[in-house]
Amino acid sequence: MSLRRLIQLMLLLVLGSASPIFAQTENAGIRHIQAAIILNGAAAPFLGTAMCRVNEECDVIFNAESRIKLSITLKRQQDGELGTMVVQCPEDCSFVSGRSRMGLQNQRSFEIFHGDNGVEIESVLKPRRKVGDVVLIVR
């Protein structure tokens, strides 16, 4: 990871310090989410923040000009899964699974790759080009 990328991630974490108002909304089924999509070759990361209701899709990052979108649907944490996340890029992109949708658990940093398989196919080792990262802060 480059020094520039590390500084961007640190900035996101510093800006994500807890505040009492967000702690109060957590009890009401609303969670505060901050996210960054850091694409290789982009001048700056795409940053977003949203107050998301449990069991409703929530756009955390939406940039129509760049055709970048990150949406999250949170679930109650009964089975350990936090919810699902969907990424959209100007060209098809996906997570390590080869799909643009993935389940969220305790992980907060994700790699994004070029292409989207769309359907699950038996695992075959194919070279994949990493195009960026997604970083989340969920409170």
N, C-alpha and C. Protein backbone atom coordinates (compact mmCIF):
# COMPACT_ATOMS: atom_id res chain seq x y z
N MET A 1 0.85 -1.17 0.00
CA MET A 1 0.00 0.00 0.00
C MET A 1 0.90 1.23 0.00
N SER A 2 0.57 2.18 -0.88
CA SER A 2 1.41 3.37 -1.00
C SER A 2 1.21 4.31 0.20
N LEU A 3 2.14 5.20 0.39
CA LEU A 3 2.06 6.17 1.47
C LEU A 3 0.84 7.07 1.29
N ARG A 4 0.55 7.47 0.05
CA ARG A 4 -0.62 8.32 -0.22
C ARG A 4 -1.91 7.62 0.21
N ARG A 5 -2.03 6.35 -0.14
CA ARG A 5 -3.21 5.57 0.21
C ARG A 5 -3.33 5.40 1.72
N LEU A 6 -2.22 5.17 2.38
CA LEU A 6 -2.20 5.02 3.84
C LEU A 6 -2.65 6.31 4.51
N ILE A 7 -2.18 7.44 4.00
CA ILE A 7 -2.60 8.74 4.56
C ILE A 7 -4.09 8.96 4.35
N GLN A 8 -4.61 8.59 3.18
CA GLN A 8 -6.05 8.74 2.92
C GLN A 8 -6.87 7.89 3.88
N LEU A 9 -6.44 6.66 4.13
CA LEU A 9 -7.16 5.79 5.05
C LEU A 9 -7.10 6.31 6.48
N MET A 10 -5.94 6.83 6.87
CA MET A 10 -5.80 7.39 8.22
C MET A 10 -6.71 8.60 8.38
N LEU A 11 -6.80 9.44 7.34
CA LEU A 11 -7.68 10.61 7.39
C LEU A 11 -9.13 10.19 7.57
N LEU A 12 -9.53 9.15 6.85
CA LEU A 12 -10.89 8.65 6.98
C LEU A 12 -11.16 8.16 8.40
N LEU A 13 -10.20 7.45 8.99
CA LEU A 13 -10.37 6.94 10.35
C LEU A 13 -10.43 8.08 11.37
N VAL A 14 -9.60 9.11 11.18
CA VAL A 14 -9.60 10.25 12.11
C VAL A 14 -10.92 10.99 12.01
N LEU A 15 -11.42 11.19 10.79
CA LEU A 15 -12.69 11.89 10.62
C LEU A 15 -13.86 11.08 11.15
N GLY A 16 -13.65 9.78 11.33
CA GLY A 16 -14.71 8.91 11.79
C GLY A 16 -14.77 8.74 13.29
N SER A 17 -14.26 9.69 14.05
CA SER A 17 -14.30 9.55 15.51
C SER A 17 -15.74 9.59 16.01
N ALA A 18 -16.00 8.87 17.07
CA ALA A 18 -17.37 8.72 17.59
C ALA A 18 -17.91 10.02 18.15
N SER A 19 -19.21 10.16 18.03
CA SER A 19 -19.89 11.31 18.59
C SER A 19 -21.12 10.82 19.34
N PRO A 20 -21.52 11.45 20.44
CA PRO A 20 -22.64 10.98 21.24
C PRO A 20 -23.95 10.90 20.46
N ILE A 21 -24.19 11.79 19.51
CA ILE A 21 -25.44 11.76 18.77
C ILE A 21 -25.57 10.47 17.97
N PHE A 22 -24.45 9.96 17.40
CA PHE A 22 -24.51 8.73 16.63
C PHE A 22 -24.74 7.53 17.55
N ALA A 23 -24.22 7.57 18.73
CA ALA A 23 -24.44 6.48 19.68
C ALA A 23 -25.92 6.38 20.04
N GLN A 24 -26.61 7.52 20.14
CA GLN A 24 -28.02 7.51 20.48
C GLN A 24 -28.85 6.94 19.34
N THR A 25 -28.51 7.24 18.08
CA THR A 25 -29.30 6.75 16.96
C THR A 25 -29.13 5.25 16.75
N GLU A 26 -28.03 4.69 17.21
CA GLU A 26 -27.80 3.26 17.04
C GLU A 26 -28.90 2.45 17.72
N ASN A 27 -29.39 2.90 18.85
CA ASN A 27 -30.45 2.20 19.56
C ASN A 27 -31.78 2.26 18.82
N ALA A 28 -31.95 3.22 17.93
CA ALA A 28 -33.20 3.39 17.21
C ALA A 28 -33.20 2.63 15.89
N GLY A 29 -32.26 1.74 15.62
CA GLY A 29 -32.21 0.99 14.38
C GLY A 29 -31.58 1.77 13.25
N ILE A 30 -30.83 2.81 13.56
CA ILE A 30 -30.13 3.60 12.57
C ILE A 30 -28.64 3.53 12.87
N ARG A 31 -27.84 3.31 11.82
CA ARG A 31 -26.40 3.22 11.99
C ARG A 31 -25.73 4.27 11.13
N HIS A 32 -24.67 4.86 11.63
CA HIS A 32 -23.89 5.84 10.89
C HIS A 32 -22.80 5.08 10.14
N ILE A 33 -22.74 5.27 8.81
CA ILE A 33 -21.75 4.58 7.99
C ILE A 33 -20.93 5.61 7.22
N GLN A 34 -19.62 5.44 7.27
CA GLN A 34 -18.71 6.23 6.46
C GLN A 34 -17.96 5.26 5.57
N ALA A 35 -17.68 5.68 4.33
CA ALA A 35 -17.01 4.79 3.41
C ALA A 35 -16.09 5.59 2.49
N ALA A 36 -15.10 4.90 1.98
CA ALA A 36 -14.20 5.46 0.97
C ALA A 36 -13.97 4.39 -0.09
N ILE A 37 -14.05 4.81 -1.34
CA ILE A 37 -13.64 3.97 -2.46
C ILE A 37 -12.39 4.62 -3.02
N ILE A 38 -11.31 3.88 -2.99
CA ILE A 38 -10.02 4.39 -3.46
C ILE A 38 -9.66 3.61 -4.71
N LEU A 39 -9.82 4.26 -5.87
CA LEU A 39 -9.53 3.60 -7.14
C LEU A 39 -8.10 3.91 -7.57
N ASN A 40 -7.42 2.91 -8.08
CA ASN A 40 -6.06 3.10 -8.59
C ASN A 40 -6.10 4.14 -9.70
N GLY A 41 -5.22 5.10 -9.65
CA GLY A 41 -5.15 6.12 -10.69
C GLY A 41 -6.09 7.30 -10.50
N ALA A 42 -7.00 7.23 -9.54
CA ALA A 42 -7.91 8.36 -9.29
C ALA A 42 -7.17 9.43 -8.50
N ALA A 43 -7.50 10.69 -8.76
CA ALA A 43 -6.83 11.81 -8.09
C ALA A 43 -7.13 11.82 -6.59
N ALA A 44 -8.35 11.43 -6.22
CA ALA A 44 -8.76 11.46 -4.81
C ALA A 44 -9.74 10.32 -4.57
N PRO A 45 -9.87 9.90 -3.33
CA PRO A 45 -10.85 8.85 -3.03
C PRO A 45 -12.27 9.40 -3.12
N PHE A 46 -13.23 8.53 -3.34
CA PHE A 46 -14.65 8.88 -3.30
C PHE A 46 -15.10 8.62 -1.87
N LEU A 47 -15.55 9.66 -1.18
CA LEU A 47 -15.94 9.55 0.22
C LEU A 47 -17.45 9.72 0.36
N GLY A 48 -18.02 9.02 1.34
CA GLY A 48 -19.45 9.16 1.59
C GLY A 48 -19.77 8.87 3.04
N THR A 49 -20.88 9.43 3.48
CA THR A 49 -21.38 9.16 4.82
C THR A 49 -22.89 9.14 4.76
N ALA A 50 -23.50 8.28 5.54
CA ALA A 50 -24.96 8.16 5.53
C ALA A 50 -25.45 7.62 6.86
N MET A 51 -26.66 8.00 7.21
CA MET A 51 -27.37 7.41 8.34
C MET A 51 -28.30 6.35 7.73
N CYS A 52 -28.06 5.09 8.03
CA CYS A 52 -28.76 3.98 7.37
C CYS A 52 -29.66 3.25 8.36
N ARG A 53 -30.87 2.98 7.91
CA ARG A 53 -31.82 2.21 8.71
C ARG A 53 -31.59 0.72 8.48
N VAL A 54 -31.75 -0.05 9.53
CA VAL A 54 -31.61 -1.50 9.45
C VAL A 54 -32.68 -2.04 8.50
N ASN A 55 -32.31 -3.00 7.66
CA ASN A 55 -33.18 -3.68 6.69
C ASN A 55 -33.64 -2.81 5.53
N GLU A 56 -32.97 -1.66 5.29
CA GLU A 56 -33.28 -0.82 4.13
C GLU A 56 -31.99 -0.54 3.38
N GLU A 57 -32.06 -0.60 2.04
CA GLU A 57 -30.87 -0.29 1.24
C GLU A 57 -30.52 1.18 1.41
N CYS A 58 -29.24 1.46 1.52
CA CYS A 58 -28.76 2.81 1.81
C CYS A 58 -27.56 3.11 0.90
N ASP A 59 -27.65 4.20 0.12
CA ASP A 59 -26.53 4.61 -0.71
C ASP A 59 -25.56 5.42 0.13
N VAL A 60 -24.38 4.88 0.36
CA VAL A 60 -23.37 5.56 1.16
C VAL A 60 -22.50 6.45 0.26
N ILE A 61 -22.17 5.95 -0.92
CA ILE A 61 -21.43 6.74 -1.90
C ILE A 61 -22.20 6.68 -3.21
N PHE A 62 -22.43 7.87 -3.80
CA PHE A 62 -23.07 7.93 -5.11
C PHE A 62 -22.48 9.12 -5.85
N ASN A 63 -21.81 8.84 -6.95
CA ASN A 63 -21.21 9.88 -7.77
C ASN A 63 -21.64 9.62 -9.21
N ALA A 64 -22.68 10.35 -9.67
CA ALA A 64 -23.24 10.12 -11.00
C ALA A 64 -22.24 10.40 -12.10
N GLU A 65 -21.43 11.44 -11.93
CA GLU A 65 -20.45 11.80 -12.96
C GLU A 65 -19.45 10.69 -13.20
N SER A 66 -18.96 10.09 -12.13
CA SER A 66 -17.95 9.02 -12.24
C SER A 66 -18.57 7.63 -12.31
N ARG A 67 -19.89 7.54 -12.14
CA ARG A 67 -20.63 6.27 -12.12
C ARG A 67 -20.08 5.32 -11.06
N ILE A 68 -19.84 5.89 -9.87
CA ILE A 68 -19.38 5.12 -8.70
C ILE A 68 -20.52 5.08 -7.70
N LYS A 69 -20.79 3.88 -7.18
CA LYS A 69 -21.86 3.76 -6.18
C LYS A 69 -21.50 2.64 -5.20
N LEU A 70 -21.78 2.90 -3.93
CA LEU A 70 -21.63 1.88 -2.89
C LEU A 70 -22.90 1.92 -2.06
N SER A 71 -23.62 0.82 -2.05
CA SER A 71 -24.84 0.75 -1.25
C SER A 71 -24.72 -0.40 -0.26
N ILE A 72 -25.36 -0.20 0.89
CA ILE A 72 -25.29 -1.18 1.98
C ILE A 72 -26.70 -1.41 2.51
N THR A 73 -27.01 -2.66 2.80
CA THR A 73 -28.23 -3.01 3.49
C THR A 73 -27.82 -3.67 4.80
N LEU A 74 -28.13 -3.03 5.90
CA LEU A 74 -27.76 -3.55 7.22
C LEU A 74 -28.81 -4.51 7.73
N LYS A 75 -28.38 -5.48 8.50
CA LYS A 75 -29.28 -6.44 9.16
C LYS A 75 -29.03 -6.38 10.65
N ARG A 76 -29.98 -6.85 11.40
CA ARG A 76 -29.74 -7.02 12.84
C ARG A 76 -28.70 -8.12 12.99
N GLN A 77 -27.82 -8.01 13.95
CA GLN A 77 -26.69 -8.94 14.06
C GLN A 77 -27.04 -10.19 14.86
N GLN A 78 -28.05 -10.91 14.44
CA GLN A 78 -28.42 -12.14 15.13
C GLN A 78 -27.54 -13.31 14.71
N ASP A 79 -27.20 -13.36 13.42
CA ASP A 79 -26.41 -14.48 12.93
C ASP A 79 -24.95 -14.12 12.68
N GLY A 80 -24.52 -12.97 13.16
CA GLY A 80 -23.14 -12.54 12.98
C GLY A 80 -22.92 -11.75 11.70
N GLU A 81 -23.87 -11.78 10.76
CA GLU A 81 -23.72 -11.03 9.52
C GLU A 81 -24.29 -9.63 9.71
N LEU A 82 -23.51 -8.64 9.32
CA LEU A 82 -23.93 -7.25 9.46
C LEU A 82 -24.89 -6.86 8.36
N GLY A 83 -24.74 -7.41 7.17
CA GLY A 83 -25.60 -7.06 6.04
C GLY A 83 -24.93 -7.39 4.73
N THR A 84 -25.31 -6.64 3.69
CA THR A 84 -24.73 -6.84 2.37
C THR A 84 -24.25 -5.50 1.81
N MET A 85 -23.28 -5.58 0.92
CA MET A 85 -22.71 -4.39 0.29
C MET A 85 -22.64 -4.64 -1.21
N VAL A 86 -22.97 -3.59 -2.00
CA VAL A 86 -22.92 -3.67 -3.46
C VAL A 86 -22.08 -2.51 -3.96
N VAL A 87 -21.13 -2.80 -4.86
CA VAL A 87 -20.28 -1.77 -5.45
C VAL A 87 -20.56 -1.70 -6.96
N GLN A 88 -20.57 -0.47 -7.48
CA GLN A 88 -20.70 -0.26 -8.92
C GLN A 88 -19.61 0.70 -9.35
N CYS A 89 -18.97 0.40 -10.47
CA CYS A 89 -17.86 1.19 -11.00
C CYS A 89 -18.17 1.57 -12.44
N PRO A 90 -17.40 2.51 -13.02
CA PRO A 90 -17.62 2.89 -14.42
C PRO A 90 -17.53 1.68 -15.36
N GLU A 91 -16.57 0.82 -15.10
CA GLU A 91 -16.48 -0.47 -15.79
C GLU A 91 -16.84 -1.51 -14.74
N ASP A 92 -17.29 -2.68 -15.18
CA ASP A 92 -17.67 -3.71 -14.22
C ASP A 92 -16.56 -3.93 -13.21
N CYS A 93 -16.94 -4.05 -11.94
CA CYS A 93 -15.98 -4.36 -10.89
C CYS A 93 -16.62 -5.30 -9.89
N SER A 94 -15.78 -5.93 -9.09
CA SER A 94 -16.29 -6.92 -8.15
C SER A 94 -15.34 -7.06 -6.97
N PHE A 95 -15.82 -7.78 -5.98
CA PHE A 95 -14.98 -8.09 -4.81
C PHE A 95 -14.20 -9.36 -5.12
N VAL A 96 -13.46 -9.85 -4.18
CA VAL A 96 -12.59 -11.01 -4.39
C VAL A 96 -13.39 -12.24 -4.86
N SER A 97 -14.67 -12.30 -4.53
CA SER A 97 -15.52 -13.42 -4.94
C SER A 97 -15.86 -13.41 -6.42
N GLY A 98 -15.59 -12.28 -7.10
CA GLY A 98 -15.96 -12.17 -8.51
C GLY A 98 -17.34 -11.58 -8.69
N ARG A 99 -17.99 -11.22 -7.60
CA ARG A 99 -19.34 -10.64 -7.65
C ARG A 99 -19.31 -9.23 -7.10
N SER A 100 -20.27 -8.41 -7.54
CA SER A 100 -20.32 -7.02 -7.08
C SER A 100 -21.08 -6.90 -5.75
N ARG A 101 -21.66 -7.99 -5.27
CA ARG A 101 -22.39 -8.02 -4.00
C ARG A 101 -21.69 -8.98 -3.05
N MET A 102 -21.59 -8.57 -1.78
CA MET A 102 -20.98 -9.47 -0.79
C MET A 102 -21.61 -9.27 0.58
N GLY A 103 -21.55 -10.29 1.40
CA GLY A 103 -22.01 -10.21 2.78
C GLY A 103 -20.99 -9.50 3.65
N LEU A 104 -21.50 -8.71 4.60
CA LEU A 104 -20.62 -7.99 5.53
C LEU A 104 -20.60 -8.70 6.86
N GLN A 105 -19.43 -8.81 7.44
CA GLN A 105 -19.30 -9.32 8.79
C GLN A 105 -18.41 -8.36 9.55
N ASN A 106 -17.29 -8.79 10.06
CA ASN A 106 -16.42 -7.90 10.84
C ASN A 106 -15.36 -7.20 10.01
N GLN A 107 -15.15 -7.61 8.79
CA GLN A 107 -14.13 -7.01 7.93
C GLN A 107 -14.55 -5.60 7.54
N ARG A 108 -13.61 -4.67 7.48
CA ARG A 108 -13.93 -3.28 7.13
C ARG A 108 -13.10 -2.75 5.97
N SER A 109 -12.24 -3.58 5.39
CA SER A 109 -11.44 -3.17 4.25
C SER A 109 -11.56 -4.26 3.18
N PHE A 110 -11.83 -3.86 1.94
CA PHE A 110 -12.12 -4.81 0.87
C PHE A 110 -11.38 -4.40 -0.40
N GLU A 111 -10.89 -5.36 -1.14
CA GLU A 111 -10.25 -5.08 -2.42
C GLU A 111 -11.30 -5.15 -3.52
N ILE A 112 -11.14 -4.30 -4.54
CA ILE A 112 -12.03 -4.29 -5.70
C ILE A 112 -11.20 -4.71 -6.91
N PHE A 113 -11.81 -5.56 -7.76
CA PHE A 113 -11.13 -6.09 -8.93
C PHE A 113 -11.91 -5.75 -10.20
N HIS A 114 -11.22 -5.74 -11.33
CA HIS A 114 -11.85 -5.50 -12.62
C HIS A 114 -12.72 -6.69 -13.00
N GLY A 115 -13.91 -6.43 -13.50
CA GLY A 115 -14.80 -7.48 -13.98
C GLY A 115 -15.77 -7.95 -12.92
N ASP A 116 -16.85 -8.55 -13.39
CA ASP A 116 -17.90 -9.09 -12.51
C ASP A 116 -18.41 -10.36 -13.16
N ASN A 117 -18.26 -11.49 -12.45
CA ASN A 117 -18.73 -12.76 -13.00
C ASN A 117 -20.24 -12.83 -13.08
N GLY A 118 -20.95 -12.12 -12.21
CA GLY A 118 -22.41 -12.09 -12.25
C GLY A 118 -23.05 -13.32 -11.65
N VAL A 119 -22.61 -14.49 -12.03
CA VAL A 119 -23.14 -15.73 -11.47
C VAL A 119 -21.99 -16.51 -10.87
N GLU A 120 -22.30 -17.30 -9.87
CA GLU A 120 -21.24 -18.08 -9.24
C GLU A 120 -20.91 -19.28 -10.12
N ILE A 121 -19.64 -19.44 -10.39
CA ILE A 121 -19.15 -20.56 -11.19
C ILE A 121 -18.13 -21.28 -10.33
N GLU A 122 -17.95 -22.55 -10.58
CA GLU A 122 -16.95 -23.30 -9.83
C GLU A 122 -15.63 -22.54 -9.83
N SER A 123 -14.97 -22.60 -8.71
CA SER A 123 -13.72 -21.84 -8.57
C SER A 123 -12.68 -22.27 -9.61
N VAL A 124 -12.25 -21.29 -10.37
CA VAL A 124 -11.19 -21.49 -11.35
C VAL A 124 -10.22 -20.34 -11.14
N LEU A 125 -8.94 -20.66 -11.04
CA LEU A 125 -7.96 -19.60 -10.84
C LEU A 125 -7.77 -18.81 -12.11
N LYS A 126 -8.16 -17.52 -12.07
CA LYS A 126 -7.97 -16.63 -13.19
C LYS A 126 -7.23 -15.41 -12.68
N PRO A 127 -6.32 -14.90 -13.48
CA PRO A 127 -5.66 -13.66 -13.04
C PRO A 127 -6.67 -12.52 -13.01
N ARG A 128 -6.65 -11.75 -11.94
CA ARG A 128 -7.58 -10.63 -11.81
C ARG A 128 -6.78 -9.38 -11.51
N ARG A 129 -7.22 -8.28 -12.07
CA ARG A 129 -6.52 -7.01 -11.89
C ARG A 129 -7.22 -6.21 -10.80
N LYS A 130 -6.47 -5.90 -9.74
CA LYS A 130 -7.00 -5.09 -8.65
C LYS A 130 -7.13 -3.64 -9.13
N VAL A 131 -8.31 -3.03 -8.89
CA VAL A 131 -8.54 -1.66 -9.33
C VAL A 131 -8.70 -0.69 -8.17
N GLY A 132 -8.79 -1.21 -6.93
CA GLY A 132 -8.93 -0.29 -5.80
C GLY A 132 -9.32 -1.00 -4.51
N ASP A 133 -9.78 -0.17 -3.56
CA ASP A 133 -10.16 -0.65 -2.23
C ASP A 133 -11.41 0.06 -1.76
N VAL A 134 -12.15 -0.60 -0.88
CA VAL A 134 -13.27 0.00 -0.17
C VAL A 134 -12.94 -0.09 1.33
N VAL A 135 -13.15 1.01 2.05
CA VAL A 135 -12.95 1.03 3.49
C VAL A 135 -14.23 1.51 4.14
N LEU A 136 -14.67 0.83 5.21
CA LEU A 136 -15.92 1.18 5.91
C LEU A 136 -15.68 1.50 7.37
N ILE A 137 -16.49 2.40 7.88
CA ILE A 137 -16.62 2.61 9.33
C ILE A 137 -18.11 2.54 9.61
N VAL A 138 -18.51 1.61 10.45
CA VAL A 138 -19.92 1.42 10.79
C VAL A 138 -20.10 1.62 12.29
N ARG A 139 -20.98 2.51 12.66
CA ARG A 139 -21.29 2.73 14.09
C ARG A 139 -22.76 2.61 14.32
